[in-house]
Protein backbone atom coordinates (compact mmCIF):
# COMPACT_ATOMS: atom_id res chain seq x y z
CA MET A 1 270.93 28.97 -263.54
CA ALA A 2 268.85 27.25 -260.73
CA PHE A 3 266.05 29.82 -260.95
CA MET A 4 262.71 28.17 -260.46
CA GLU A 5 263.99 24.72 -261.40
CA LYS A 6 260.49 23.24 -260.66
CA PRO A 7 257.81 25.58 -261.13
CA PRO A 8 254.52 25.17 -259.70
CA ALA A 9 252.39 25.96 -262.99
CA GLY A 10 252.67 26.36 -266.51
CA LYS A 11 251.25 28.89 -269.02
CA VAL A 12 247.93 30.51 -267.52
CA LEU A 13 245.17 29.94 -269.96
CA LEU A 14 243.01 32.48 -268.31
CA ASP A 15 242.49 35.91 -269.92
CA ASP A 16 242.28 38.16 -267.09
CA THR A 17 241.27 41.26 -269.48
CA VAL A 18 238.02 39.53 -270.44
CA PRO A 19 235.16 41.51 -268.77
CA LEU A 20 233.11 40.05 -266.33
CA THR A 21 229.60 40.73 -266.10
CA ALA A 22 227.13 40.12 -262.85
CA GLN A 23 223.34 39.77 -262.54
CA ILE A 24 221.38 39.27 -259.35
CA GLU A 25 218.88 36.59 -260.17
CA ALA A 26 217.14 36.08 -256.84
CA SER A 27 217.52 36.65 -253.03
CA GLN A 28 216.83 34.30 -250.35
CA SER A 29 216.11 35.32 -246.67
CA LEU A 30 217.54 33.19 -243.91
CA HIS A 31 217.06 33.63 -240.40
CA SER A 32 219.01 36.92 -239.48
CA HIS A 33 220.28 38.04 -242.94
CA THR A 34 219.67 38.17 -246.62
CA GLU A 35 221.60 36.27 -249.28
CA TYR A 36 221.71 37.48 -252.99
CA ILE A 37 222.23 34.72 -255.74
CA ILE A 38 224.39 36.40 -258.57
CA ARG A 39 225.04 34.92 -262.14
CA VAL A 40 228.45 35.73 -263.06
CA GLN A 41 229.47 35.58 -266.91
CA ARG A 42 232.91 35.79 -268.36
CA GLY A 43 233.14 37.24 -272.16
CA VAL A 44 230.18 36.73 -274.10
CA SER A 45 229.42 32.84 -273.61
CA ALA A 46 226.54 32.05 -271.57
CA GLU A 47 228.18 28.37 -270.95
CA ASN A 48 231.09 30.27 -269.44
CA SER A 49 228.93 31.35 -266.38
CA TRP A 50 228.49 30.30 -262.70
CA GLN A 51 226.61 31.42 -259.49
CA ILE A 52 227.87 33.09 -256.36
CA VAL A 53 226.14 33.98 -253.11
CA ARG A 54 226.76 37.32 -251.51
CA ARG A 55 225.33 38.82 -248.16
CA TYR A 56 225.05 42.64 -248.12
CA SER A 57 227.98 42.41 -245.71
CA ASP A 58 230.24 40.96 -248.37
CA PHE A 59 229.32 44.15 -250.68
CA ASP A 60 230.24 46.31 -247.72
CA LEU A 61 233.54 45.02 -247.26
CA LEU A 62 234.33 45.05 -250.98
CA ASN A 63 233.46 48.69 -251.10
CA ASN A 64 235.65 49.72 -247.92
CA SER A 65 238.59 47.89 -249.98
CA LEU A 66 237.59 50.07 -252.95
CA GLN A 67 237.88 53.46 -251.07
CA ILE A 68 241.41 53.65 -251.98
CA SER A 69 240.16 54.69 -255.54
CA THR A 70 238.27 57.88 -253.67
CA LEU A 71 235.63 57.06 -256.33
CA SER A 72 231.70 57.41 -255.21
CA LEU A 73 230.32 54.35 -255.75
CA PRO A 74 226.48 53.75 -255.21
CA LEU A 75 226.42 51.15 -252.50
CA PRO A 76 223.12 51.17 -250.73
CA PRO A 77 223.17 52.27 -247.25
CA LYS A 78 222.92 50.05 -244.37
CA LYS A 79 219.75 49.45 -242.51
CA LEU A 80 219.49 47.94 -238.94
CA ILE A 81 215.87 48.04 -238.35
CA GLY A 82 213.42 46.54 -240.85
CA ASN A 83 215.96 45.04 -243.10
CA MET A 84 214.10 41.89 -243.33
CA GLU A 85 211.12 43.22 -245.11
CA ARG A 86 210.17 42.08 -248.59
CA GLU A 87 209.70 45.82 -250.15
CA PHE A 88 213.07 46.95 -248.77
CA ILE A 89 215.14 43.55 -249.76
CA ALA A 90 213.91 44.03 -253.57
CA GLU A 91 214.61 47.96 -253.46
CA ARG A 92 218.15 46.82 -251.93
CA GLN A 93 218.59 44.29 -254.71
CA LYS A 94 218.02 46.98 -257.09
CA GLY A 95 220.49 49.16 -255.58
CA LEU A 96 223.19 46.18 -255.53
CA GLN A 97 222.62 45.59 -259.07
CA ALA A 98 223.39 49.39 -259.85
CA TYR A 99 226.66 48.87 -257.82
CA LEU A 100 227.74 45.82 -259.85
CA ASP A 101 227.07 47.63 -263.29
CA VAL A 102 229.50 50.50 -262.05
CA ILE A 103 232.29 48.37 -260.99
CA THR A 104 232.06 45.66 -263.79
CA THR A 105 232.10 48.55 -266.38
CA HIS A 106 234.75 50.75 -264.99
CA HIS A 107 237.84 49.95 -266.84
CA ILE A 108 240.15 50.07 -264.14
CA LEU A 109 238.04 48.57 -261.03
CA SER A 110 236.77 45.60 -263.21
CA ASN A 111 240.52 44.67 -263.77
CA CYS A 112 241.40 44.87 -260.33
CA GLU A 113 242.05 41.74 -258.03
CA LEU A 114 239.27 42.87 -255.31
CA VAL A 115 236.66 42.96 -257.77
CA LYS A 116 238.06 39.68 -259.48
CA LYS A 117 238.05 37.80 -256.56
CA PHE A 118 234.49 38.81 -255.52
CA LEU A 119 233.03 37.74 -258.50
CA ASP A 120 235.48 34.63 -259.50
CA PRO A 121 236.73 33.36 -256.18
CA ASN A 122 237.73 30.08 -257.68
CA SER A 123 239.94 31.46 -260.37
CA TYR A 124 241.77 34.10 -258.22
CA SER A 125 242.16 32.30 -254.85
CA VAL A 126 245.77 32.45 -255.09
CA ASN A 127 247.89 34.99 -253.19
CA TYR A 128 250.26 35.80 -256.13
CA THR A 129 252.33 38.28 -253.83
CA GLU A 130 253.58 34.90 -251.95
CA ILE A 131 254.16 33.09 -255.20
CA ALA A 132 256.24 36.09 -256.66
CA LEU A 133 258.12 36.40 -253.46
CA GLN A 134 259.05 32.56 -253.35
CA HIS A 135 260.41 32.92 -256.93
CA VAL A 136 262.34 35.88 -256.13
CA SER A 137 264.09 34.34 -253.28
CA MET A 138 264.98 31.58 -255.41
CA PHE A 139 266.47 33.76 -257.86
CA PHE A 140 268.35 35.42 -255.16
CA ARG A 141 270.06 31.99 -254.40
CA SER A 142 271.73 31.65 -257.54
CA GLU A 143 272.30 35.86 -257.66
CA PRO A 144 273.17 36.85 -254.19
CA LYS A 145 274.63 40.34 -255.50
CA TRP A 146 270.84 41.51 -255.41
CA GLU A 147 268.71 42.66 -252.39
CA VAL A 148 265.19 43.33 -252.09
CA VAL A 149 264.47 46.66 -250.27
CA GLU A 150 260.86 46.66 -250.15
CA PRO A 151 257.62 45.31 -252.09
CA LEU A 152 255.79 47.85 -254.16
CA LYS A 153 252.44 46.67 -253.60
CA ASP A 154 249.79 46.97 -256.21
CA ILE A 155 251.44 49.52 -258.28
CA GLY A 156 250.48 48.01 -261.68
CA TRP A 157 247.02 46.81 -262.84
CA ARG A 158 247.81 43.31 -263.56
CA ILE A 159 246.75 40.72 -261.40
CA ARG A 160 249.56 38.05 -262.08
CA LYS A 161 252.23 40.75 -262.12
CA LYS A 162 254.20 42.09 -258.76
CA TYR A 163 257.02 44.64 -258.37
CA PHE A 164 259.54 44.84 -255.95
CA LEU A 165 262.14 47.76 -255.01
CA MET A 166 265.60 46.45 -255.41
CA LYS A 167 269.41 47.41 -254.72
CA MET A 168 272.79 46.15 -255.67
CA LYS A 169 274.94 45.22 -252.66
CA ASN A 170 277.96 46.73 -254.08
CA GLN A 171 275.74 50.18 -255.10
CA PRO A 172 273.28 50.61 -251.96
CA LYS A 173 272.27 53.75 -253.06
CA GLU A 174 271.09 52.82 -256.61
CA ARG A 175 267.44 51.74 -256.85
CA LEU A 176 266.14 49.52 -259.24
CA MET A 177 262.68 47.70 -259.98
CA LEU A 178 262.00 44.00 -260.24
CA SER A 179 259.01 42.83 -261.75
CA TRP A 180 257.92 39.12 -261.67
CA ALA A 181 254.90 37.74 -263.99
CA ASP A 182 253.17 34.43 -265.02
CA LEU A 183 253.20 33.42 -268.46
CA GLY A 184 250.01 34.38 -269.97
CA PRO A 185 247.33 32.94 -272.58
CA ASP A 186 249.22 34.29 -275.86
CA LYS A 187 252.41 32.63 -274.75
CA TYR A 188 253.03 30.75 -278.22
CA LEU A 189 256.98 30.86 -278.09
CA SER A 190 258.66 27.48 -277.07
CA ASP A 191 260.50 27.51 -273.85
CA LYS A 192 263.99 27.56 -275.39
CA ASP A 193 263.11 30.36 -277.88
CA LEU A 194 261.18 32.27 -274.71
CA GLN A 195 264.16 31.98 -272.68
CA TYR A 196 266.74 33.10 -275.26
CA ALA A 197 264.32 36.22 -276.44
CA VAL A 198 264.04 37.52 -272.82
CA LYS A 199 267.77 37.37 -272.22
CA LEU A 200 268.22 39.19 -275.46
CA LEU A 201 266.19 42.19 -274.15
CA SER A 202 268.94 43.44 -272.16
CA SER A 203 271.20 43.65 -275.18
CA CYS A 204 268.28 46.21 -276.78
CA SER A 205 269.60 49.88 -277.28
CA HIS A 206 267.36 52.64 -278.35
CA PRO A 207 266.90 56.20 -277.36
CA TYR A 208 263.19 55.73 -276.80
CA ILE A 209 263.45 52.05 -274.94
CA TYR A 210 263.83 51.95 -271.43
CA LYS A 211 267.12 50.14 -270.53
CA ILE A 212 266.89 46.54 -269.05
CA THR A 213 269.47 45.53 -266.56
CA PHE A 214 268.75 41.90 -266.24
CA ALA A 215 266.13 39.49 -267.57
CA THR A 216 265.20 35.57 -267.26
CA ALA A 217 262.48 33.38 -267.78
CA ASN A 218 261.61 29.80 -267.46
CA GLU A 219 258.78 27.79 -268.60
CA SER A 220 256.10 29.17 -265.88
CA SER A 221 257.28 32.75 -265.31
CA ALA A 222 259.92 35.39 -266.21
CA LEU A 223 261.84 38.10 -264.06
CA VAL A 224 262.87 41.47 -265.06
CA ILE A 225 265.24 44.08 -263.37
CA ARG A 226 265.18 47.81 -264.69
CA PRO A 227 266.18 50.94 -263.04
CA PHE A 228 263.59 52.82 -261.01
CA SER A 229 262.57 56.35 -261.78
CA GLU A 230 261.90 58.62 -259.06
CA LYS A 231 259.77 60.77 -261.64
CA GLY A 232 257.41 57.81 -262.57
CA THR A 233 255.50 57.46 -265.75
CA LEU A 234 254.02 59.49 -268.31
CA LYS A 235 250.55 58.57 -266.54
CA ASP A 236 252.09 59.91 -263.20
CA LEU A 237 253.01 63.19 -264.98
CA ILE A 238 249.39 63.35 -266.55
CA TYR A 239 247.48 62.45 -263.15
CA LYS A 240 250.06 64.34 -260.99
CA ALA A 241 250.52 61.24 -258.93
CA LYS A 242 253.28 59.31 -256.77
CA PRO A 243 254.81 56.16 -258.50
CA LYS A 244 254.90 54.07 -255.38
CA ASP A 245 251.21 54.66 -254.60
CA PRO A 246 248.87 51.75 -255.76
CA PHE A 247 247.22 51.80 -259.12
CA LEU A 248 243.52 52.40 -258.06
CA LYS A 249 244.88 55.57 -255.73
CA LYS A 250 246.77 56.96 -258.44
CA TYR A 251 244.68 56.79 -261.39
CA CYS A 252 240.86 56.24 -260.75
CA ASN A 253 240.12 59.57 -259.61
CA PRO A 254 242.48 62.27 -260.26
CA LYS A 255 242.01 65.58 -258.24
CA LYS A 256 242.78 67.88 -261.22
CA ILE A 257 242.20 67.08 -264.63
CA GLN A 258 244.27 68.80 -267.10
CA GLY A 259 246.32 67.68 -270.52
CA LEU A 260 249.79 68.46 -271.33
CA GLU A 261 251.28 71.40 -273.43
CA LEU A 262 250.77 71.17 -277.10
CA GLN A 263 254.50 70.96 -277.61
CA GLN A 264 254.68 67.99 -274.90
CA ILE A 265 251.96 65.97 -276.72
CA LYS A 266 253.94 66.61 -280.10
CA THR A 267 257.32 65.38 -278.78
CA TYR A 268 256.16 62.77 -276.60
CA GLY A 269 253.85 61.55 -279.66
CA ARG A 270 256.65 61.86 -282.05
CA GLN A 271 259.07 59.65 -279.73
CA ILE A 272 256.71 57.09 -279.09
CA LEU A 273 255.66 56.76 -282.77
CA GLU A 274 259.22 56.65 -283.60
CA VAL A 275 259.99 53.58 -281.35
CA LEU A 276 256.56 51.61 -282.58
CA LYS A 277 258.06 52.13 -286.19
CA PHE A 278 261.38 50.47 -285.20
CA LEU A 279 259.89 47.84 -283.35
CA HIS A 280 257.49 46.73 -286.17
CA GLU A 281 260.30 47.17 -288.92
CA LYS A 282 262.36 44.66 -286.60
CA GLY A 283 259.43 42.09 -286.61
CA PHE A 284 258.99 42.43 -282.94
CA PRO A 285 255.38 42.27 -281.61
CA TYR A 286 254.51 44.71 -278.74
CA GLY A 287 251.01 45.73 -278.42
CA HIS A 288 251.08 46.68 -274.89
CA LEU A 289 251.22 50.73 -275.20
CA HIS A 290 249.61 52.81 -272.75
CA SER A 291 250.75 56.19 -270.60
CA ALA A 292 251.70 53.51 -267.66
CA ASN A 293 254.32 51.79 -269.89
CA VAL A 294 256.05 54.90 -270.94
CA MET A 295 258.72 55.98 -268.57
CA LEU A 296 259.92 59.62 -268.32
CA ASP A 297 263.52 60.61 -268.79
CA GLY A 298 263.97 64.10 -268.60
CA ASP A 299 261.97 65.23 -271.56
CA THR A 300 262.37 61.99 -273.32
CA CYS A 301 259.80 58.99 -273.39
CA LYS A 302 260.89 55.41 -272.98
CA LEU A 303 258.99 52.35 -273.60
CA LEU A 304 258.64 49.98 -271.05
CA ASP A 305 257.49 46.06 -270.90
CA LEU A 306 258.79 44.64 -273.98
CA GLU A 307 258.69 41.20 -272.60
CA ASN A 308 255.00 41.50 -272.11
CA SER A 309 254.16 40.28 -275.71
CA LEU A 310 257.21 37.48 -275.58
CA LEU A 311 255.20 36.00 -272.21
CA GLY A 312 252.21 36.00 -273.76
CA LEU A 313 250.43 38.61 -271.48
CA PRO A 314 246.82 40.35 -272.54
CA SER A 315 246.77 44.17 -273.41
CA PHE A 316 245.65 46.67 -271.20
CA TYR A 317 243.06 47.92 -273.77
CA ARG A 318 242.16 44.49 -275.09
CA SER A 319 238.38 44.94 -274.06
CA TYR A 320 238.07 47.96 -276.06
CA PHE A 321 239.95 46.75 -279.55
CA SER A 322 238.40 43.07 -279.51
CA GLN A 323 235.19 44.70 -280.17
CA PHE A 324 235.91 45.62 -283.58
CA ARG A 325 237.26 43.38 -285.96
CA LYS A 326 239.14 45.80 -288.37
CA ILE A 327 241.91 45.80 -285.59
CA ASN A 328 243.06 42.58 -286.23
CA THR A 329 246.93 42.82 -286.08
CA LEU A 330 249.41 43.74 -283.57
CA GLU A 331 250.49 46.96 -285.65
CA GLY A 332 246.95 48.04 -285.86
CA VAL A 333 246.72 47.40 -281.89
CA ASP A 334 249.75 49.73 -281.39
CA VAL A 335 248.12 52.56 -283.14
CA HIS A 336 244.90 52.04 -281.38
CA CYS A 337 246.49 52.13 -278.24
CA PHE A 338 248.30 55.37 -279.33
CA GLY A 339 244.99 56.85 -279.83
CA HIS A 340 244.14 56.36 -276.50
CA LEU A 341 247.49 57.89 -275.37
CA LEU A 342 247.25 60.85 -277.26
CA TYR A 343 243.50 61.55 -275.89
CA GLU A 344 244.92 61.05 -272.54
CA MET A 345 247.59 63.29 -272.97
CA THR A 346 245.52 65.88 -274.42
CA TYR A 347 242.64 65.99 -272.25
CA GLY A 348 244.17 64.52 -268.79
CA ARG A 349 241.77 61.64 -268.72
CA PRO A 350 240.93 58.41 -270.98
CA PRO A 351 237.97 58.53 -273.39
CA ASP A 352 234.36 57.89 -272.04
CA THR A 353 233.47 55.76 -274.54
CA ILE A 354 235.11 54.00 -277.58
CA PRO A 355 234.25 54.80 -280.42
CA VAL A 356 234.63 58.70 -279.64
CA ASP A 357 231.77 60.86 -281.39
CA SER A 358 232.92 64.05 -280.66
CA PHE A 359 236.20 65.54 -279.11
CA PRO A 360 236.33 68.42 -277.03
CA PRO A 361 238.44 71.39 -277.67
CA ALA A 362 242.00 70.53 -277.97
CA PRO A 363 245.14 72.66 -278.02
CA SER A 364 245.29 72.29 -281.83
CA VAL A 365 243.09 71.23 -284.72
CA PHE A 366 245.90 69.06 -285.95
CA VAL A 367 245.56 67.13 -282.26
CA VAL A 368 241.91 66.53 -283.49
CA SER A 369 242.94 65.31 -286.79
CA VAL A 370 245.09 62.54 -285.67
CA LEU A 371 242.41 61.39 -282.78
CA GLU A 372 239.97 61.31 -285.58
CA SER A 373 241.73 58.95 -287.74
CA ILE A 374 242.06 56.45 -284.85
CA LEU A 375 239.35 56.68 -282.43
CA THR A 376 236.00 57.56 -284.44
CA CYS A 377 233.51 55.18 -285.40
CA GLU A 378 234.65 55.49 -289.16
CA ALA A 379 238.13 54.99 -288.26
CA MET A 380 236.87 51.65 -286.65
CA LYS A 381 235.05 50.47 -289.76
CA ASN A 382 237.80 51.36 -292.04
CA GLY A 383 241.44 50.24 -290.25
CA MET A 384 243.95 51.69 -288.56
CA PRO A 385 246.36 53.95 -289.94
CA THR A 386 249.71 52.98 -290.16
CA VAL A 387 252.71 54.40 -287.93
CA SER A 388 254.31 55.79 -290.74
CA ARG A 389 251.05 57.58 -291.93
CA LEU A 390 250.85 59.08 -288.87
CA LEU A 391 254.35 60.27 -288.62
CA GLN A 392 253.69 62.35 -291.91
CA MET A 393 250.58 64.21 -290.18
CA PRO A 394 251.05 67.84 -289.45
CA LEU A 395 251.04 67.06 -285.66
CA PHE A 396 254.43 65.37 -285.74
CA SER A 397 255.98 65.81 -289.27
CA ASP A 398 257.89 68.86 -288.02
CA VAL A 399 259.11 67.68 -284.52
CA LEU A 400 262.67 67.66 -284.46
CA LEU A 401 264.54 65.06 -282.76
CA THR A 402 267.55 65.96 -280.97
CA ASN A 403 268.87 62.32 -279.57
CA SER A 404 271.42 60.91 -281.73
CA GLU A 405 271.81 57.39 -280.12
CA LYS A 406 271.97 54.91 -282.64
CA PRO A 407 269.54 52.08 -282.38
CA GLN A 408 270.61 48.61 -281.91
CA PHE A 409 268.63 45.42 -281.41
CA LYS A 410 270.15 42.29 -283.18
CA ILE A 411 267.61 39.54 -283.39
CA PRO A 412 268.89 36.07 -285.12
CA THR A 413 266.74 34.91 -288.12
CA LYS A 414 265.78 31.86 -286.26
CA LEU A 415 264.21 33.66 -283.67
CA LYS A 416 262.61 36.18 -286.23
CA GLU A 417 260.76 33.34 -287.48
CA ALA A 418 259.49 32.05 -283.97
CA LEU A 419 258.54 35.76 -283.61
CA LYS A 420 256.56 35.77 -286.56
CA THR A 421 255.06 32.63 -285.98
CA SER A 422 254.09 33.74 -282.26
CA LYS A 423 252.66 36.84 -283.57
CA GLU A 424 250.29 35.20 -285.93
CA CYS A 425 248.89 33.07 -283.12
CA ILE A 426 248.25 36.07 -281.18
CA GLU A 427 246.51 37.67 -284.12
CA LYS A 428 244.74 34.46 -284.86
CA ARG A 429 243.13 34.27 -280.98
CA LEU A 430 242.34 38.21 -281.31
CA THR A 431 240.34 37.42 -284.72
CA GLU A 432 238.70 34.24 -283.22
CA GLU A 433 237.57 36.23 -279.93
CA GLN A 434 236.36 39.35 -282.29
CA LYS A 435 234.25 36.97 -284.30
CA LEU A 436 232.44 35.66 -281.14
CA ILE A 437 231.60 39.10 -279.91
CA HIS A 438 230.36 40.25 -283.46
CA GLN A 439 228.18 37.10 -283.49
CA HIS A 440 226.82 37.77 -279.92
CA ARG A 441 226.49 41.55 -280.82
CA ARG A 442 224.25 40.62 -283.77
CA LEU A 443 222.15 38.52 -281.84
CA THR A 444 221.34 40.67 -278.91
CA ARG A 445 220.64 43.44 -281.30
CA ALA A 446 218.07 40.94 -282.98
CA GLN A 447 216.63 40.05 -279.62
CA SER A 448 216.25 43.39 -278.50
CA HIS A 449 214.83 44.58 -281.90
CA HIS A 450 212.29 41.63 -281.68
CA GLY A 451 211.35 42.62 -278.13
CA SER A 452 211.02 46.30 -278.41
CA GLU A 453 207.42 47.72 -278.19
CA GLU A 454 207.62 48.97 -281.56
CA GLU A 455 208.06 45.59 -282.76
CA LYS A 456 205.73 44.20 -280.43
CA LYS A 457 202.83 46.83 -281.93
CA LYS A 458 203.82 45.84 -285.49
CA ARG A 459 203.58 41.97 -284.77
CA LYS A 460 200.00 42.93 -283.49
CA ILE A 461 198.96 44.47 -286.14
CA LEU A 462 200.03 42.07 -288.67
CA ALA A 463 198.14 39.37 -286.54
CA ARG A 464 195.29 41.07 -286.67
CA LYS A 465 195.56 41.58 -290.39
CA LYS A 466 196.18 38.29 -290.99
CA SER A 467 193.47 36.85 -288.89
CA LYS A 468 190.72 39.12 -290.86
CA ARG A 469 192.52 37.72 -294.04
CA SER A 470 191.92 33.94 -292.80
CA ALA A 471 188.53 34.78 -291.76
CA TYR A 472 187.70 36.56 -295.18
CA GLU A 473 189.29 33.70 -296.98
CA SER A 474 187.19 31.12 -294.83
CA GLY A 475 183.98 32.96 -295.65
CA GLU A 476 184.68 32.72 -299.27
CA GLU A 477 185.25 29.06 -299.06
CA HIS A 478 182.37 28.24 -297.13
CA SER A 479 180.06 30.40 -299.55
CA ALA A 480 181.97 28.30 -302.52
CA LYS A 481 181.21 25.28 -300.83
CA TYR A 482 177.24 26.09 -300.81
CA SER A 483 177.35 27.34 -304.53
CA ASN A 484 179.16 24.00 -305.35
CA SER A 485 176.49 22.20 -303.44
CA ASN A 486 173.76 23.97 -305.23
CA ASN A 487 174.97 23.04 -308.81
CA SER A 488 175.60 19.55 -307.92
CA GLY A 489 171.95 19.28 -306.54
CA SER A 490 170.30 20.10 -309.87
CA GLY A 491 171.33 16.48 -310.87
CA ALA A 492 172.03 13.49 -308.72
CA SER A 493 171.08 15.07 -305.15
CA SER A 494 167.69 16.52 -306.48
CA PRO A 495 164.98 15.82 -303.71
CA LEU A 496 163.37 12.45 -303.67
CA THR A 497 159.77 12.31 -305.26
CA SER A 498 157.39 9.63 -305.07
CA PRO A 499 156.88 7.09 -307.96
CA SER A 500 153.54 8.30 -308.54
CA SER A 501 154.22 12.33 -309.29
CA PRO A 502 155.05 13.37 -312.91
CA THR A 503 158.05 14.57 -314.40
CA PRO A 504 157.85 18.36 -314.89
CA PRO A 505 157.92 19.37 -318.47
CA SER A 506 161.67 21.16 -319.32
CA THR A 507 161.58 24.64 -320.50
CA ALA A 508 164.24 27.24 -321.23
CA GLY A 509 164.08 29.30 -318.11
CA ALA A 510 162.68 26.36 -315.61
CA SER A 511 166.08 26.18 -314.16
CA LEU A 512 166.04 29.94 -312.87
CA ILE A 513 162.30 29.49 -311.37
CA PRO A 514 162.34 28.14 -307.76
CA PRO A 515 160.73 24.73 -307.77
CA ALA A 516 157.47 23.82 -305.94
CA PRO A 517 158.18 22.34 -302.55
CA PRO A 518 157.62 18.10 -303.26
CA PRO A 519 154.85 16.53 -301.73
CA PRO A 520 155.66 14.56 -298.77
CA PRO A 521 157.03 11.15 -299.37
CA LEU A 522 154.56 8.11 -298.94
CA PRO A 523 155.07 5.58 -295.99
CA PRO A 524 157.24 2.66 -297.16
CA ALA A 525 155.22 -0.38 -298.48
CA ALA A 526 156.09 -3.85 -296.44
CA PRO A 527 159.10 -5.56 -298.07
CA PRO A 528 157.74 -8.44 -299.39
CA LEU A 529 159.08 -11.70 -297.74
CA SER A 530 162.40 -13.01 -299.61
CA THR A 531 165.28 -15.29 -298.74
CA GLU A 532 167.66 -12.73 -300.20
CA VAL A 533 169.88 -10.56 -298.17
CA PRO A 534 168.11 -6.71 -297.94
CA THR A 535 170.07 -4.22 -299.62
CA GLN A 536 171.13 -1.03 -297.60
CA PRO A 537 168.54 1.76 -297.78
CA SER A 538 169.35 4.84 -299.90
CA PRO A 539 170.28 7.70 -297.33
CA GLN A 540 168.15 10.67 -296.61
CA PRO A 541 168.91 13.91 -298.37
CA ASP A 542 171.05 16.57 -296.11
CA ILE A 543 168.47 19.05 -295.10
CA SER A 544 171.47 21.72 -294.66
CA ALA A 545 172.25 21.03 -298.42
CA SER A 546 168.53 21.52 -299.56
CA ARG A 547 168.37 24.72 -297.74
CA GLY A 548 171.75 25.82 -299.18
CA ALA A 549 170.28 24.98 -302.60
CA LEU A 550 166.85 27.08 -302.20
CA LEU A 551 168.92 29.90 -300.78
CA SER A 552 171.25 29.79 -303.70
CA SER A 553 168.38 29.92 -306.20
CA ILE A 554 166.38 32.85 -304.55
CA GLN A 555 169.84 34.65 -304.68
CA ASN A 556 170.15 33.87 -308.21
CA PHE A 557 166.87 34.88 -309.18
CA GLN A 558 166.17 37.50 -311.73
CA LYS A 559 163.16 39.09 -312.67
CA GLY A 560 163.81 39.58 -316.20
CA THR A 561 163.60 36.10 -317.09
CA LEU A 562 159.65 35.81 -316.16
CA LYS A 563 157.50 35.70 -319.41
CA LYS A 564 154.86 38.14 -319.72
CA THR A 565 151.34 36.82 -319.20
CA GLN A 566 148.06 38.06 -320.52
CA THR A 567 145.11 38.07 -317.82
CA CYS A 568 141.42 38.32 -318.45
CA ASP A 569 139.61 40.18 -315.87
CA TYR A 570 136.11 38.69 -315.17
CA SER A 571 135.56 40.64 -311.90
CA ALA A 572 133.49 43.42 -313.58
CA PRO A 573 129.63 42.95 -313.37
CA ARG A 574 128.04 41.51 -316.17
CA ILE A 575 124.85 43.31 -317.81
CA SER A 576 122.96 41.02 -319.63
């Protein structure tokens, strides 16, 4: 067919789910305003970073656009007078940093197009709605039976996926929904296999898979048409939202937080697990389970967006499960995503953090048991349970399924091999990303520990001990040096004496008695006249060495070595 014969772009290598972080590095005041220099980083690699310059008015414009979420965001207030003072600019910079921290850590806000364009204008400068309209218009040239009713603006969270309300010309009352999407970074199927696999989706028949009316793809994007449901998705039921409203408005700040009834949790959970088991047995990769991808048809849940994994689109919860190296298969990803969905059905809101340390009171202890097996820290370390294991747990094992429709989804052997290879490539990219995150976390933890106050104190104490030890060892070495100088001074280094002074007799204890100071040396006689070259005069003894020898002898003096003497006292008067 002629649909998009010459696409403008191929596979998109950029993963939109990789978190962006922003740090204000400096501010500069110009004539009438202040600019803030912001360092933005994608993921954990410092090399993948860039600088942007933003004014307060840019922050204010972004904040006004995000008001549709009804969230209370901490943007510092405006100030017309005194807004160029140094103290005020420093205080405002702190407030703007806190604002950036909030919008980059909020799961829905951080993935929306408004925030992405603010932080990364180069990567998100394209108007994807216009591109989607161009491609849809090309499609209608070859398929004139379809007609666009209206664009469904921003009803989904993906930046590169757009939605349109459709109708067939011969059935004007029946409403359909068309979705268009770019190919993502996990597209590993060949163009031929991709086109065949996407067309095959319309032949899939399962009681818990939402029916696809038409699907087609080329080497740059894909287009899928399915019936439009006025009731909306499971997420719309939980948040009591209108299906046609923008994603930010529907789900960021629900007016009332309330979970589903226990029977609904059991039934919907069992139905979703059954379809996951079916896809896993067929060797069909999914990895895109979340409550907005589950359509409600009466009391039945039906899975949406099976095409996402074929197109290589990243998962809604990728920024969560990429943190844990044990979640490294698409089956494990599906189970992890099911844990998020079950938490949302139970409590009416997503979990605050992953892993979850403790769970609020639930309608049944069996619900908490399933959540603990998926979302706790222990579960992240040990790995996810299988879908079969979850179906055997008490929460779902006694649920009776009344739908008798026989599942049908025939995948040719050659395509199965291609899907298997694609699945392995997707898992490999996930594993490599998890490895980088793990290495970065270890490095950050080591740097944080090294820079902590307690660690600084320990290093100071060790430095003092080392300094004292060095000083002590230096003193001992100095003392040993003096002692060695004294021992060698009793022989070759003894003080010089005059030629006429007699050599004292040797006695047993003479070495312990301090020697008498030598007489001053005689002035040297005039050298006789000679034609021979005079020899080099002998060096004078080192005064410090002599003092050291004397000091050593005094220290080593022992009174017990002195001989007892007899004296004759002649001081008494004589009487003759």
